[in-house]
Amino acid sequence: MDLIRILAAIFIPPLGVFLQVGLGKDFWINILLTFLGYVPGIVHAVWIIARK
């Protein structure tokens, strides 16, 4: 399941975070980071998935 989340995090970072933590604060942070730059959104999403 982590592989699917990581792939989702690479293509659509908020989706990967949503699959991991739901609609929490990390999801909204990732939305903001993705809008500010795609790469920070990816890094944050992979970090969230690897952390848990």
PDB file of N, CA and C in Angstrom:
ATOM      1  N   MET A   1       0.828  -1.203   0.000  1.00  0.00           N
ATOM      2  CA  MET A   1       0.000   0.000   0.000  1.00  0.00           C
ATOM      3  C   MET A   1       0.865   1.256   0.000  1.00  0.00           C
ATOM      4  N   ASP A   2       2.032   1.194   0.651  1.00  0.00           N
ATOM      5  CA  ASP A   2       2.903   2.374   0.649  1.00  0.00           C
ATOM      6  C   ASP A   2       3.388   2.720  -0.751  1.00  0.00           C
ATOM      7  N   LEU A   3       3.593   1.720  -1.591  1.00  0.00           N
ATOM      8  CA  LEU A   3       4.031   1.984  -2.957  1.00  0.00           C
ATOM      9  C   LEU A   3       2.972   2.789  -3.712  1.00  0.00           C
ATOM     10  N   ILE A   4       1.707   2.442  -3.522  1.00  0.00           N
ATOM     11  CA  ILE A   4       0.625   3.189  -4.179  1.00  0.00           C
ATOM     12  C   ILE A   4       0.588   4.621  -3.661  1.00  0.00           C
ATOM     13  N   ARG A   5       0.770   4.803  -2.366  1.00  0.00           N
ATOM     14  CA  ARG A   5       0.763   6.156  -1.789  1.00  0.00           C
ATOM     15  C   ARG A   5       1.939   6.977  -2.309  1.00  0.00           C
ATOM     16  N   ILE A   6       3.100   6.358  -2.427  1.00  0.00           N
ATOM     17  CA  ILE A   6       4.275   7.092  -2.916  1.00  0.00           C
ATOM     18  C   ILE A   6       4.098   7.467  -4.388  1.00  0.00           C
ATOM     19  N   LEU A   7       3.557   6.556  -5.175  1.00  0.00           N
ATOM     20  CA  LEU A   7       3.288   6.890  -6.587  1.00  0.00           C
ATOM     21  C   LEU A   7       2.264   8.014  -6.694  1.00  0.00           C
ATOM     22  N   ALA A   8       1.232   7.965  -5.856  1.00  0.00           N
ATOM     23  CA  ALA A   8       0.244   9.045  -5.850  1.00  0.00           C
ATOM     24  C   ALA A   8       0.896  10.352  -5.418  1.00  0.00           C
ATOM     25  N   ALA A   9       1.834  10.286  -4.465  1.00  0.00           N
ATOM     26  CA  ALA A   9       2.515  11.482  -3.984  1.00  0.00           C
ATOM     27  C   ALA A   9       3.396  12.102  -5.062  1.00  0.00           C
ATOM     28  N   ILE A  10       3.923  11.293  -5.946  1.00  0.00           N
ATOM     29  CA  ILE A  10       4.778  11.823  -7.011  1.00  0.00           C
ATOM     30  C   ILE A  10       3.935  12.519  -8.081  1.00  0.00           C
ATOM     31  N   PHE A  11       2.799  11.917  -8.443  1.00  0.00           N
ATOM     32  CA  PHE A  11       1.983  12.485  -9.513  1.00  0.00           C
ATOM     33  C   PHE A  11       0.990  13.537  -9.013  1.00  0.00           C
ATOM     34  N   ILE A  12       0.373  13.283  -7.855  1.00  0.00           N
ATOM     35  CA  ILE A  12      -0.594  14.220  -7.261  1.00  0.00           C
ATOM     36  C   ILE A  12      -0.304  14.258  -5.755  1.00  0.00           C
ATOM     37  N   PRO A  13       0.610  15.120  -5.317  1.00  0.00           N
ATOM     38  CA  PRO A  13       1.047  15.110  -3.922  1.00  0.00           C
ATOM     39  C   PRO A  13      -0.077  15.173  -2.878  1.00  0.00           C
ATOM     40  N   PRO A  14      -1.095  16.031  -3.032  1.00  0.00           N
ATOM     41  CA  PRO A  14      -2.143  16.039  -2.005  1.00  0.00           C
ATOM     42  C   PRO A  14      -2.900  14.710  -1.884  1.00  0.00           C
ATOM     43  N   LEU A  15      -3.024  13.983  -2.980  1.00  0.00           N
ATOM     44  CA  LEU A  15      -3.703  12.688  -2.928  1.00  0.00           C
ATOM     45  C   LEU A  15      -2.922  11.696  -2.072  1.00  0.00           C
ATOM     46  N   GLY A  16      -1.608  11.678  -2.224  1.00  0.00           N
ATOM     47  CA  GLY A  16      -0.787  10.789  -1.403  1.00  0.00           C
ATOM     48  C   GLY A  16      -0.907  11.106   0.079  1.00  0.00           C
ATOM     49  N   VAL A  17      -0.926  12.383   0.409  1.00  0.00           N
ATOM     50  CA  VAL A  17      -1.074  12.788   1.813  1.00  0.00           C
ATOM     51  C   VAL A  17      -2.476  12.450   2.299  1.00  0.00           C
ATOM     52  N   PHE A  18      -3.485  12.680   1.474  1.00  0.00           N
ATOM     53  CA  PHE A  18      -4.852  12.366   1.868  1.00  0.00           C
ATOM     54  C   PHE A  18      -5.022  10.877   2.155  1.00  0.00           C
ATOM     55  N   LEU A  19      -4.424  10.026   1.335  1.00  0.00           N
ATOM     56  CA  LEU A  19      -4.514   8.588   1.557  1.00  0.00           C
ATOM     57  C   LEU A  19      -3.834   8.176   2.857  1.00  0.00           C
ATOM     58  N   GLN A  20      -2.844   8.943   3.283  1.00  0.00           N
ATOM     59  CA  GLN A  20      -2.111   8.608   4.508  1.00  0.00           C
ATOM     60  C   GLN A  20      -2.786   9.162   5.762  1.00  0.00           C
ATOM     61  N   VAL A  21      -3.158  10.450   5.748  1.00  0.00           N
ATOM     62  CA  VAL A  21      -3.636  11.092   6.987  1.00  0.00           C
ATOM     63  C   VAL A  21      -5.054  11.649   6.904  1.00  0.00           C
ATOM     64  N   GLY A  22      -5.662  11.663   5.734  1.00  0.00           N
ATOM     65  CA  GLY A  22      -7.004  12.230   5.614  1.00  0.00           C
ATOM     66  C   GLY A  22      -6.958  13.742   5.502  1.00  0.00           C
ATOM     67  N   LEU A  23      -8.066  14.386   5.895  1.00  0.00           N
ATOM     68  CA  LEU A  23      -8.170  15.843   5.769  1.00  0.00           C
ATOM     69  C   LEU A  23      -7.663  16.541   7.021  1.00  0.00           C
ATOM     70  N   GLY A  24      -6.428  16.315   7.347  1.00  0.00           N
ATOM     71  CA  GLY A  24      -5.834  16.949   8.514  1.00  0.00           C
ATOM     72  C   GLY A  24      -4.996  18.144   8.129  1.00  0.00           C
ATOM     73  N   LYS A  25      -4.257  18.630   9.090  1.00  0.00           N
ATOM     74  CA  LYS A  25      -3.418  19.807   8.860  1.00  0.00           C
ATOM     75  C   LYS A  25      -2.325  19.518   7.841  1.00  0.00           C
ATOM     76  N   ASP A  26      -1.788  18.291   7.823  1.00  0.00           N
ATOM     77  CA  ASP A  26      -0.747  17.949   6.852  1.00  0.00           C
ATOM     78  C   ASP A  26      -1.273  18.010   5.417  1.00  0.00           C
ATOM     79  N   PHE A  27      -2.528  17.647   5.218  1.00  0.00           N
ATOM     80  CA  PHE A  27      -3.129  17.729   3.887  1.00  0.00           C
ATOM     81  C   PHE A  27      -3.168  19.168   3.393  1.00  0.00           C
ATOM     82  N   TRP A  28      -3.617  20.087   4.251  1.00  0.00           N
ATOM     83  CA  TRP A  28      -3.723  21.494   3.844  1.00  0.00           C
ATOM     84  C   TRP A  28      -2.356  22.125   3.646  1.00  0.00           C
ATOM     85  N   ILE A  29      -1.375  21.724   4.446  1.00  0.00           N
ATOM     86  CA  ILE A  29      -0.003  22.205   4.247  1.00  0.00           C
ATOM     87  C   ILE A  29       0.509  21.739   2.892  1.00  0.00           C
ATOM     88  N   ASN A  30       0.186  20.491   2.545  1.00  0.00           N
ATOM     89  CA  ASN A  30       0.638  19.975   1.266  1.00  0.00           C
ATOM     90  C   ASN A  30      -0.040  20.672   0.098  1.00  0.00           C
ATOM     91  N   ILE A  31      -1.310  20.999   0.232  1.00  0.00           N
ATOM     92  CA  ILE A  31      -1.999  21.766  -0.816  1.00  0.00           C
ATOM     93  C   ILE A  31      -1.277  23.094  -1.042  1.00  0.00           C
ATOM     94  N   LEU A  32      -0.958  23.784   0.046  1.00  0.00           N
ATOM     95  CA  LEU A  32      -0.258  25.063  -0.059  1.00  0.00           C
ATOM     96  C   LEU A  32       1.113  24.891  -0.709  1.00  0.00           C
ATOM     97  N   LEU A  33       1.870  23.894  -0.267  1.00  0.00           N
ATOM     98  CA  LEU A  33       3.202  23.670  -0.835  1.00  0.00           C
ATOM     99  C   LEU A  33       3.125  23.292  -2.311  1.00  0.00           C
ATOM    100  N   THR A  34       2.117  22.539  -2.687  1.00  0.00           N
ATOM    101  CA  THR A  34       1.964  22.155  -4.089  1.00  0.00           C
ATOM    102  C   THR A  34       1.638  23.367  -4.952  1.00  0.00           C
ATOM    103  N   PHE A  35       0.823  24.280  -4.432  1.00  0.00           N
ATOM    104  CA  PHE A  35       0.521  25.502  -5.188  1.00  0.00           C
ATOM    105  C   PHE A  35       1.741  26.407  -5.294  1.00  0.00           C
ATOM    106  N   LEU A  36       2.563  26.434  -4.255  1.00  0.00           N
ATOM    107  CA  LEU A  36       3.750  27.286  -4.284  1.00  0.00           C
ATOM    108  C   LEU A  36       4.853  26.714  -5.170  1.00  0.00           C
ATOM    109  N   GLY A  37       4.862  25.441  -5.321  1.00  0.00           N
ATOM    110  CA  GLY A  37       5.853  24.775  -6.165  1.00  0.00           C
ATOM    111  C   GLY A  37       5.612  23.285  -6.115  1.00  0.00           C
ATOM    112  N   TYR A  38       5.618  22.668  -7.256  1.00  0.00           N
ATOM    113  CA  TYR A  38       5.282  21.250  -7.325  1.00  0.00           C
ATOM    114  C   TYR A  38       6.265  20.376  -6.543  1.00  0.00           C
ATOM    115  N   VAL A  39       7.549  20.677  -6.634  1.00  0.00           N
ATOM    116  CA  VAL A  39       8.582  19.860  -5.974  1.00  0.00           C
ATOM    117  C   VAL A  39       8.457  19.911  -4.446  1.00  0.00           C
ATOM    118  N   PRO A  40       8.251  21.068  -3.818  1.00  0.00           N
ATOM    119  CA  PRO A  40       8.055  21.044  -2.358  1.00  0.00           C
ATOM    120  C   PRO A  40       6.848  20.208  -1.937  1.00  0.00           C
ATOM    121  N   GLY A  41       5.808  20.183  -2.746  1.00  0.00           N
ATOM    122  CA  GLY A  41       4.651  19.351  -2.457  1.00  0.00           C
ATOM    123  C   GLY A  41       4.995  17.872  -2.498  1.00  0.00           C
ATOM    124  N   ILE A  42       5.808  17.489  -3.474  1.00  0.00           N
ATOM    125  CA  ILE A  42       6.231  16.091  -3.583  1.00  0.00           C
ATOM    126  C   ILE A  42       7.098  15.701  -2.394  1.00  0.00           C
ATOM    127  N   VAL A  43       8.053  16.549  -2.063  1.00  0.00           N
ATOM    128  CA  VAL A  43       8.956  16.251  -0.940  1.00  0.00           C
ATOM    129  C   VAL A  43       8.158  16.112   0.355  1.00  0.00           C
ATOM    130  N   HIS A  44       7.243  17.015   0.598  1.00  0.00           N
ATOM    131  CA  HIS A  44       6.429  16.955   1.816  1.00  0.00           C
ATOM    132  C   HIS A  44       5.567  15.698   1.831  1.00  0.00           C
ATOM    133  N   ALA A  45       4.969  15.344   0.707  1.00  0.00           N
ATOM    134  CA  ALA A  45       4.109  14.163   0.646  1.00  0.00           C
ATOM    135  C   ALA A  45       4.897  12.880   0.905  1.00  0.00           C
ATOM    136  N   VAL A  46       6.054  12.752   0.281  1.00  0.00           N
ATOM    137  CA  VAL A  46       6.869  11.553   0.499  1.00  0.00           C
ATOM    138  C   VAL A  46       7.350  11.511   1.937  1.00  0.00           C
ATOM    139  N   TRP A  47       7.691  12.640   2.506  1.00  0.00           N
ATOM    140  CA  TRP A  47       8.121  12.680   3.902  1.00  0.00           C
ATOM    141  C   TRP A  47       6.995  12.236   4.847  1.00  0.00           C
ATOM    142  N   ILE A  48       5.784  12.698   4.592  1.00  0.00           N
ATOM    143  CA  ILE A  48       4.628  12.314   5.423  1.00  0.00           C
ATOM    144  C   ILE A  48       4.387  10.813   5.320  1.00  0.00           C
ATOM    145  N   ILE A  49       4.462  10.273   4.118  1.00  0.00           N
ATOM    146  CA  ILE A  49       4.213   8.847   3.922  1.00  0.00           C
ATOM    147  C   ILE A  49       5.325   8.002   4.558  1.00  0.00           C
ATOM    148  N   ALA A  50       6.566   8.422   4.415  1.00  0.00           N
ATOM    149  CA  ALA A  50       7.690   7.652   4.977  1.00  0.00           C
ATOM    150  C   ALA A  50       7.740   7.752   6.503  1.00  0.00           C
ATOM    151  N   ARG A  51       7.241   8.843   7.048  1.00  0.00           N
ATOM    152  CA  ARG A  51       7.293   9.069   8.498  1.00  0.00           C
ATOM    153  C   ARG A  51       6.369   8.124   9.242  1.00  0.00           C
ATOM    154  N   LYS A  52       5.257   7.769   8.666  1.00  0.00           N
ATOM    155  CA  LYS A  52       4.260   6.962   9.386  1.00  0.00           C
ATOM    156  C   LYS A  52       4.277   5.518   9.006  1.00  0.00           C
TER     157      LYS A  52
END
